[in-house]
Amino acid sequence: MVQPAETQPEAGPSYTLRHTLTGHTRAVTALRFSSDGQSLVSAGADGYVHFWDAASGAHQRALRCHRTGINDISLSQDGLYLATASDDGAALVFATDPLSVRAPAASGPPESLTPPLRTLAAHTAPVLAVAFSPTSSLVVTGSMDESAIVWDVRRGRSLRTLPAHAEAIWSVGWDAEGALVITGSADGLIRLWDANTGQCLKTFDNESNAPVSSASFTPSSFFILSSTLSSTIRIYSLHTAKVLKTLTASEYVSERFPTPALVFAAPRASASANGHDADAMDVDGVVGPAGAGAAAHVVAGSENGRAVVWDLQDRRVVQVLDGHDAPVVALAVHPDGTTIATGALEPDKKIKVWQWQA
């Protein structure tokens, strides 16, 4: 399942291809690193979730979670649980510990579904996005039915429904404190919600009204990072709702498929090479998304089979990861910023693992 990496001559510090992982029989739709950085988890349109060793790329195990495609996954911060969002209209919660995973019934067919710990079913259309809260006690889901639902994981029941948007919700998430929920939709809007009351607190739009592929809080929760189907990435101020920075590039194409964008603390060697000092990474004079002492990079999947990495401060493309033969719609960054994982649609169906080389 792990193919040798092609040799790619690089000048200076950069990410180089380390592993190519094959296991999904259909599109790779979601990727996540565990919070301790030891595992990489992938999900696909084949209904399977695969666990991989983040360092070696070795395949650890597979779970058949749904009979239909999985659109998104989330790992709890404590590392104990995995949530899936599927075309079958349900979100499921599983244990990540292989010893805690209930095996399919012995009398079942060879490819029986792995029984979940919880089934979260209330949406009336495919579930497109899922995210655990920072405390791992709540889950929020977003659906093609235009609503978001906040769930109590322990009880397996919905706490409140957010009549969030006028079109499908492609992205959901939480702020660092677990007090706010963020939703991004094909209607071109991003909305912030009070997680306790369900009240809409703020709405962000974009000048082109382009569908929002992804929307998330930056680690500091002072900013919002979004990507839209106009090949544009924006950084908003949480407080003013104004766009502070815009990222585009000729290498970045996002017009048909929702492609993710992530902000992360760049490896320290990158910050030094670009001349950034400990407090240089800021957005409009405010301490930046990566926090003090680290340069911030943004990486986004592209429909041309690439992933593009920007330096957030000067909006410069620092590297293009070119390795897929189909749109890159799945993306994950290792907690230390030294590894990026990319996954693509059919016919590619592969995961590429890119390692930082100083």
Protein backbone atom coordinates (compact mmCIF):
# COMPACT_ATOMS: atom_id res chain seq x y z
CA MET A 1 0.00 0.00 0.00
CA VAL A 2 3.01 2.29 0.40
CA GLN A 3 4.80 3.09 -2.83
CA PRO A 4 8.34 4.49 -2.95
CA ALA A 5 8.50 8.24 -3.37
CA GLU A 6 9.73 9.68 -6.62
CA THR A 7 12.93 11.65 -6.37
CA GLN A 8 12.34 15.38 -6.63
CA PRO A 9 15.37 17.66 -6.70
CA GLU A 10 14.73 20.73 -4.58
CA ALA A 11 16.74 23.88 -3.96
CA GLY A 12 16.69 24.99 -0.33
CA PRO A 13 14.17 24.11 2.40
CA SER A 14 10.98 22.57 1.04
CA TYR A 15 8.48 19.75 1.29
CA THR A 16 9.40 16.63 -0.69
CA LEU A 17 7.30 13.59 -1.49
CA ARG A 18 7.94 10.86 1.07
CA HIS A 19 5.13 8.34 0.66
CA THR A 20 2.32 7.48 -1.72
CA LEU A 21 -0.45 5.60 0.08
CA THR A 22 -3.00 3.48 -1.75
CA GLY A 23 -5.96 1.78 -0.12
CA HIS A 24 -9.13 3.57 -1.13
CA THR A 25 -11.01 2.19 -4.13
CA ARG A 26 -12.74 5.51 -4.76
CA ALA A 27 -11.95 9.18 -4.14
CA VAL A 28 -10.05 10.22 -1.02
CA THR A 29 -12.39 12.76 0.57
CA ALA A 30 -10.89 13.62 3.97
CA LEU A 31 -7.58 13.45 5.86
CA ARG A 32 -6.71 14.15 9.50
CA PHE A 33 -3.61 13.76 11.65
CA SER A 34 -4.18 12.67 15.23
CA SER A 35 -3.46 15.35 17.85
CA ASP A 36 -0.32 13.51 18.96
CA GLY A 37 0.88 13.35 15.34
CA GLN A 38 1.37 9.59 15.36
CA SER A 39 -1.45 8.58 13.02
CA LEU A 40 -2.89 9.77 9.74
CA VAL A 41 -6.55 8.94 9.14
CA SER A 42 -8.15 8.94 5.69
CA ALA A 43 -11.73 8.59 4.49
CA GLY A 44 -13.12 7.95 1.06
CA ALA A 45 -16.13 7.72 -1.19
CA ASP A 46 -15.84 3.95 -0.77
CA GLY A 47 -17.20 4.25 2.79
CA TYR A 48 -13.93 3.19 4.40
CA VAL A 49 -11.68 4.85 6.96
CA HIS A 50 -8.01 3.87 6.96
CA PHE A 51 -5.44 4.43 9.71
CA TRP A 52 -1.80 4.93 8.73
CA ASP A 53 1.42 5.35 10.67
CA ALA A 54 2.24 9.04 10.14
CA ALA A 55 6.00 8.49 10.11
CA SER A 56 6.44 5.29 8.10
CA GLY A 57 3.25 5.36 6.04
CA ALA A 58 2.50 1.78 7.12
CA HIS A 59 -1.15 0.78 6.96
CA GLN A 60 -2.50 0.04 10.44
CA ARG A 61 -6.16 -0.92 9.99
CA ALA A 62 -9.35 -0.20 8.07
CA LEU A 63 -12.94 0.34 9.16
CA ARG A 64 -15.91 0.01 6.86
CA CYS A 65 -18.05 2.75 8.35
CA HIS A 66 -20.76 3.39 5.74
CA ARG A 67 -22.23 1.74 2.67
CA THR A 68 -22.22 5.14 1.00
CA GLY A 69 -19.46 7.71 0.61
CA ILE A 70 -17.85 9.52 3.52
CA ASN A 71 -17.58 13.28 2.99
CA ASP A 72 -15.71 14.35 6.12
CA ILE A 73 -14.14 13.07 9.32
CA SER A 74 -13.12 14.58 12.65
CA LEU A 75 -10.86 13.27 15.41
CA SER A 76 -11.57 14.25 19.00
CA GLN A 77 -8.89 16.32 20.71
CA ASP A 78 -8.35 13.57 23.29
CA GLY A 79 -7.69 11.12 20.47
CA LEU A 80 -10.32 8.63 21.64
CA TYR A 81 -13.02 9.09 19.01
CA LEU A 82 -13.56 9.43 15.29
CA ALA A 83 -16.68 10.99 13.73
CA THR A 84 -17.73 10.48 10.12
CA ALA A 85 -20.15 12.40 7.86
CA SER A 86 -21.78 10.44 5.07
CA ASP A 87 -24.03 10.54 2.05
CA ASP A 88 -26.44 8.27 3.93
CA GLY A 89 -27.57 11.26 6.03
CA ALA A 90 -25.92 10.13 9.26
CA ALA A 91 -22.82 10.98 11.27
CA LEU A 92 -21.28 8.09 13.19
CA VAL A 93 -18.91 8.04 16.16
CA PHE A 94 -16.29 5.29 16.53
CA ALA A 95 -13.55 4.50 19.03
CA THR A 96 -10.07 5.02 17.61
CA ASP A 97 -8.49 2.38 19.90
CA PRO A 98 -8.52 -0.86 17.88
CA LEU A 99 -9.15 -2.83 21.07
CA SER A 100 -12.31 -0.78 21.69
CA VAL A 101 -13.72 -1.14 18.19
CA ARG A 102 -16.60 -3.60 18.09
CA ALA A 103 -16.13 -6.20 15.39
CA PRO A 104 -18.89 -6.87 12.84
CA ALA A 105 -21.18 -9.78 13.63
CA ALA A 106 -19.54 -13.12 12.92
CA SER A 107 -22.53 -14.18 10.85
CA GLY A 108 -22.31 -11.14 8.63
CA PRO A 109 -20.76 -10.95 5.16
CA PRO A 110 -16.98 -10.40 4.85
CA GLU A 111 -17.43 -6.65 4.37
CA SER A 112 -19.97 -6.02 7.13
CA LEU A 113 -20.07 -2.54 8.61
CA THR A 114 -18.13 -1.78 11.78
CA PRO A 115 -20.72 -1.01 14.50
CA PRO A 116 -20.43 2.61 15.74
CA LEU A 117 -20.56 3.79 19.33
CA ARG A 118 -23.12 6.45 18.42
CA THR A 119 -25.35 7.14 15.44
CA LEU A 120 -26.23 10.81 14.96
CA ALA A 121 -29.20 10.84 12.60
CA ALA A 122 -31.50 13.82 12.17
CA HIS A 123 -30.51 15.40 8.85
CA THR A 124 -32.77 14.86 5.86
CA ALA A 125 -29.96 14.88 3.26
CA PRO A 126 -26.28 13.87 2.99
CA VAL A 127 -24.06 15.07 5.83
CA LEU A 128 -21.16 16.99 4.29
CA ALA A 129 -19.15 18.18 7.30
CA VAL A 130 -18.47 17.16 10.91
CA ALA A 131 -16.32 18.54 13.74
CA PHE A 132 -15.69 17.64 17.38
CA SER A 133 -15.68 20.47 19.91
CA PRO A 134 -12.36 21.15 21.73
CA THR A 135 -13.66 19.28 24.80
CA SER A 136 -14.72 16.31 22.65
CA SER A 137 -18.16 16.32 24.32
CA LEU A 138 -20.03 17.89 21.41
CA VAL A 139 -20.14 17.40 17.66
CA VAL A 140 -21.46 19.76 15.01
CA THR A 141 -22.62 18.51 11.61
CA GLY A 142 -23.47 20.36 8.40
CA SER A 143 -25.68 18.99 5.67
CA MET A 144 -27.03 19.39 2.19
CA ASP A 145 -30.37 20.04 3.92
CA GLU A 146 -29.02 23.57 4.69
CA SER A 147 -28.92 23.06 8.46
CA ALA A 148 -26.26 22.46 11.10
CA ILE A 149 -26.90 20.39 14.21
CA VAL A 150 -25.04 20.45 17.53
CA TRP A 151 -24.98 17.01 19.18
CA ASP A 152 -24.32 15.69 22.66
CA VAL A 153 -21.87 12.86 21.97
CA ARG A 154 -22.36 10.96 25.23
CA ARG A 155 -26.15 10.84 24.90
CA GLY A 156 -26.12 10.61 21.11
CA ARG A 157 -28.89 13.19 20.72
CA SER A 158 -29.23 16.59 19.10
CA LEU A 159 -29.07 19.65 21.36
CA ARG A 160 -30.06 22.31 18.84
CA THR A 161 -30.56 22.76 15.13
CA LEU A 162 -29.16 25.84 13.40
CA PRO A 163 -31.28 26.87 10.37
CA ALA A 164 -28.02 28.11 9.03
CA HIS A 165 -28.06 28.79 5.29
CA ALA A 166 -29.99 28.91 2.03
CA GLU A 167 -27.86 26.19 0.41
CA ALA A 168 -25.74 23.19 1.41
CA ILE A 169 -23.28 23.57 4.29
CA TRP A 170 -19.85 22.41 3.19
CA SER A 171 -17.83 23.32 6.27
CA VAL A 172 -18.28 23.38 10.06
CA GLY A 173 -15.94 24.02 12.97
CA TRP A 174 -15.35 25.41 16.47
CA ASP A 175 -13.32 28.18 18.03
CA ALA A 176 -10.54 27.27 20.48
CA GLU A 177 -12.81 27.67 23.52
CA GLY A 178 -15.73 25.66 22.14
CA ALA A 179 -18.08 28.60 22.55
CA LEU A 180 -18.60 29.41 18.86
CA VAL A 181 -19.60 27.31 15.87
CA ILE A 182 -18.63 28.35 12.34
CA THR A 183 -20.49 27.27 9.20
CA GLY A 184 -19.58 27.84 5.55
CA SER A 185 -22.06 27.32 2.76
CA ALA A 186 -22.61 27.10 -0.97
CA ASP A 187 -24.76 30.24 -0.55
CA GLY A 188 -21.51 32.24 -0.30
CA LEU A 189 -21.86 33.05 3.41
CA ILE A 190 -19.93 32.21 6.57
CA ARG A 191 -21.82 32.42 9.84
CA LEU A 192 -20.80 32.36 13.50
CA TRP A 193 -23.15 30.86 16.08
CA ASP A 194 -23.34 30.82 19.85
CA ALA A 195 -22.93 27.10 20.59
CA ASN A 196 -25.05 27.33 23.73
CA THR A 197 -28.02 29.33 22.48
CA GLY A 198 -27.92 28.68 18.73
CA GLN A 199 -28.04 32.42 18.05
CA CYS A 200 -26.38 33.69 14.86
CA LEU A 201 -23.78 36.23 15.99
CA LYS A 202 -22.16 37.35 12.75
CA THR A 203 -22.27 36.81 9.00
CA PHE A 204 -19.29 37.11 6.62
CA ASP A 205 -19.70 37.44 2.87
CA ASN A 206 -17.41 37.74 -0.14
CA GLU A 207 -17.62 40.22 -2.98
CA SER A 208 -18.15 37.53 -5.61
CA ASN A 209 -20.77 35.63 -3.57
CA ALA A 210 -18.84 32.49 -4.51
CA PRO A 211 -19.70 29.25 -2.68
CA VAL A 212 -17.61 28.74 0.46
CA SER A 213 -15.55 25.53 0.23
CA SER A 214 -14.08 25.75 3.72
CA ALA A 215 -14.21 28.10 6.69
CA SER A 216 -12.33 27.74 9.95
CA PHE A 217 -10.98 29.66 12.90
CA THR A 218 -7.24 30.19 12.95
CA PRO A 219 -5.49 28.74 16.05
CA SER A 220 -5.68 32.07 17.87
CA SER A 221 -9.44 32.35 17.03
CA PHE A 222 -8.88 36.04 16.16
CA PHE A 223 -9.25 35.36 12.44
CA ILE A 224 -11.32 33.34 9.98
CA LEU A 225 -9.71 31.49 7.07
CA SER A 226 -11.92 30.70 4.09
CA SER A 227 -11.63 29.31 0.59
CA THR A 228 -14.24 29.81 -2.10
CA LEU A 229 -15.06 28.51 -5.58
CA SER A 230 -13.50 31.62 -7.07
CA SER A 231 -9.92 30.37 -6.62
CA THR A 232 -9.53 32.78 -3.70
CA ILE A 233 -8.53 32.39 -0.07
CA ARG A 234 -9.44 35.11 2.42
CA ILE A 235 -8.44 35.99 5.96
CA TYR A 236 -11.18 37.84 7.86
CA SER A 237 -11.02 39.72 11.13
CA LEU A 238 -13.31 38.00 13.59
CA HIS A 239 -14.30 41.28 15.21
CA THR A 240 -14.83 43.55 12.18
CA ALA A 241 -15.79 40.85 9.60
CA LYS A 242 -13.52 42.67 7.13
CA VAL A 243 -11.18 40.88 4.73
CA LEU A 244 -7.62 41.50 5.89
CA LYS A 245 -5.72 39.47 3.32
CA THR A 246 -6.50 37.72 0.05
CA LEU A 247 -4.45 34.89 -1.44
CA THR A 248 -4.53 33.90 -5.10
CA ALA A 249 -2.08 32.25 -7.48
CA SER A 250 -1.95 31.06 -11.07
CA GLU A 251 -1.19 27.58 -9.73
CA TYR A 252 -4.32 27.56 -7.54
CA VAL A 253 -7.60 26.54 -9.18
CA SER A 254 -10.81 26.06 -7.20
CA GLU A 255 -13.97 26.56 -9.23
CA ARG A 256 -15.88 23.27 -9.36
CA PHE A 257 -15.00 21.16 -6.31
CA PRO A 258 -14.86 22.28 -2.67
CA THR A 259 -11.17 22.21 -1.84
CA PRO A 260 -9.83 22.78 1.68
CA ALA A 261 -7.44 25.43 2.97
CA LEU A 262 -5.48 25.26 6.23
CA VAL A 263 -3.28 27.71 8.12
CA PHE A 264 -0.39 26.34 10.15
CA ALA A 265 2.84 27.32 11.87
CA ALA A 266 5.61 26.89 9.34
CA PRO A 267 8.75 24.93 10.25
CA ARG A 268 11.17 27.31 11.98
CA ALA A 269 13.77 27.02 9.24
CA SER A 270 11.25 28.48 6.82
CA ALA A 271 10.66 31.52 9.01
CA SER A 272 14.41 32.16 9.30
CA ALA A 273 14.98 31.69 5.59
CA ASN A 274 12.32 34.27 4.76
CA GLY A 275 13.68 36.77 7.22
CA HIS A 276 10.70 36.70 9.61
CA ASP A 277 11.50 37.55 13.21
CA ALA A 278 9.68 36.12 16.23
CA ASP A 279 6.86 38.67 16.07
CA ALA A 280 6.76 39.28 12.33
CA MET A 281 3.80 37.11 11.39
CA ASP A 282 0.87 39.42 11.81
CA VAL A 283 -2.33 40.26 10.06
CA ASP A 284 -2.97 43.99 9.90
CA GLY A 285 -0.82 44.62 12.96
CA VAL A 286 -2.45 41.93 15.09
CA VAL A 287 -0.64 38.82 16.33
CA GLY A 288 -1.10 36.35 13.52
CA PRO A 289 -2.82 33.00 13.14
CA ALA A 290 0.25 30.88 13.89
CA GLY A 291 0.89 32.70 17.17
CA ALA A 292 3.93 34.62 18.31
CA GLY A 293 7.31 33.26 17.28
CA ALA A 294 6.23 31.32 14.19
CA ALA A 295 5.71 32.16 10.56
CA ALA A 296 2.28 31.29 9.22
CA HIS A 297 1.78 29.31 6.06
CA VAL A 298 -1.48 28.54 4.26
CA VAL A 299 -1.89 25.40 2.17
CA ALA A 300 -4.82 24.73 -0.14
CA GLY A 301 -5.84 21.90 -2.44
CA SER A 302 -6.24 22.69 -6.12
CA GLU A 303 -8.27 21.19 -8.96
CA ASN A 304 -5.15 20.77 -11.11
CA GLY A 305 -3.79 18.00 -8.88
CA ARG A 306 -1.61 20.32 -6.82
CA ALA A 307 -1.48 21.78 -3.33
CA VAL A 308 -0.25 25.36 -3.04
CA VAL A 309 1.63 26.73 -0.03
CA TRP A 310 1.72 30.47 0.69
CA ASP A 311 3.66 32.59 3.17
CA LEU A 312 0.79 34.44 4.82
CA GLN A 313 2.72 37.59 5.67
CA ASP A 314 3.85 38.51 2.16
CA ARG A 315 1.19 36.43 0.30
CA ARG A 316 3.93 34.76 -1.72
CA VAL A 317 3.69 31.20 -3.01
CA VAL A 318 6.56 29.36 -1.38
CA GLN A 319 5.95 25.93 -2.91
CA VAL A 320 3.63 23.98 -5.16
CA LEU A 321 3.19 20.29 -4.30
CA ASP A 322 2.57 18.62 -7.65
CA GLY A 323 1.81 14.91 -7.46
CA HIS A 324 -1.81 14.03 -8.22
CA ASP A 325 -3.73 13.36 -11.42
CA ALA A 326 -7.07 14.65 -10.13
CA PRO A 327 -8.39 17.51 -7.96
CA VAL A 328 -6.95 17.61 -4.43
CA VAL A 329 -9.97 17.72 -2.12
CA ALA A 330 -8.45 16.27 1.07
CA LEU A 331 -5.73 17.91 3.11
CA ALA A 332 -4.07 17.59 6.53
CA VAL A 333 -1.07 19.17 8.23
CA HIS A 334 0.91 17.46 10.99
CA PRO A 335 0.74 19.30 14.35
CA ASP A 336 4.41 20.32 14.04
CA GLY A 337 3.99 21.59 10.47
CA THR A 338 6.66 19.29 9.04
CA THR A 339 4.33 16.96 7.15
CA ILE A 340 1.50 17.67 4.72
CA ALA A 341 -0.87 14.98 3.46
CA THR A 342 -2.91 15.42 0.28
CA GLY A 343 -5.67 13.25 -1.19
CA ALA A 344 -7.37 13.33 -4.57
CA LEU A 345 -10.55 12.42 -6.40
CA GLU A 346 -10.87 9.60 -8.93
CA PRO A 347 -9.15 8.35 -10.97
CA ASP A 348 -6.14 9.21 -8.78
CA LYS A 349 -7.51 7.90 -5.42
CA LYS A 350 -4.10 8.29 -3.77
CA ILE A 351 -2.71 9.94 -0.64
CA LYS A 352 0.60 11.76 -0.90
CA VAL A 353 2.66 12.46 2.20
CA TRP A 354 5.08 15.39 1.91
CA GLN A 355 7.92 15.81 4.39
CA TRP A 356 9.78 19.02 5.25
CA GLN A 357 13.45 18.94 4.30
CA ALA A 358 15.54 21.76 5.81
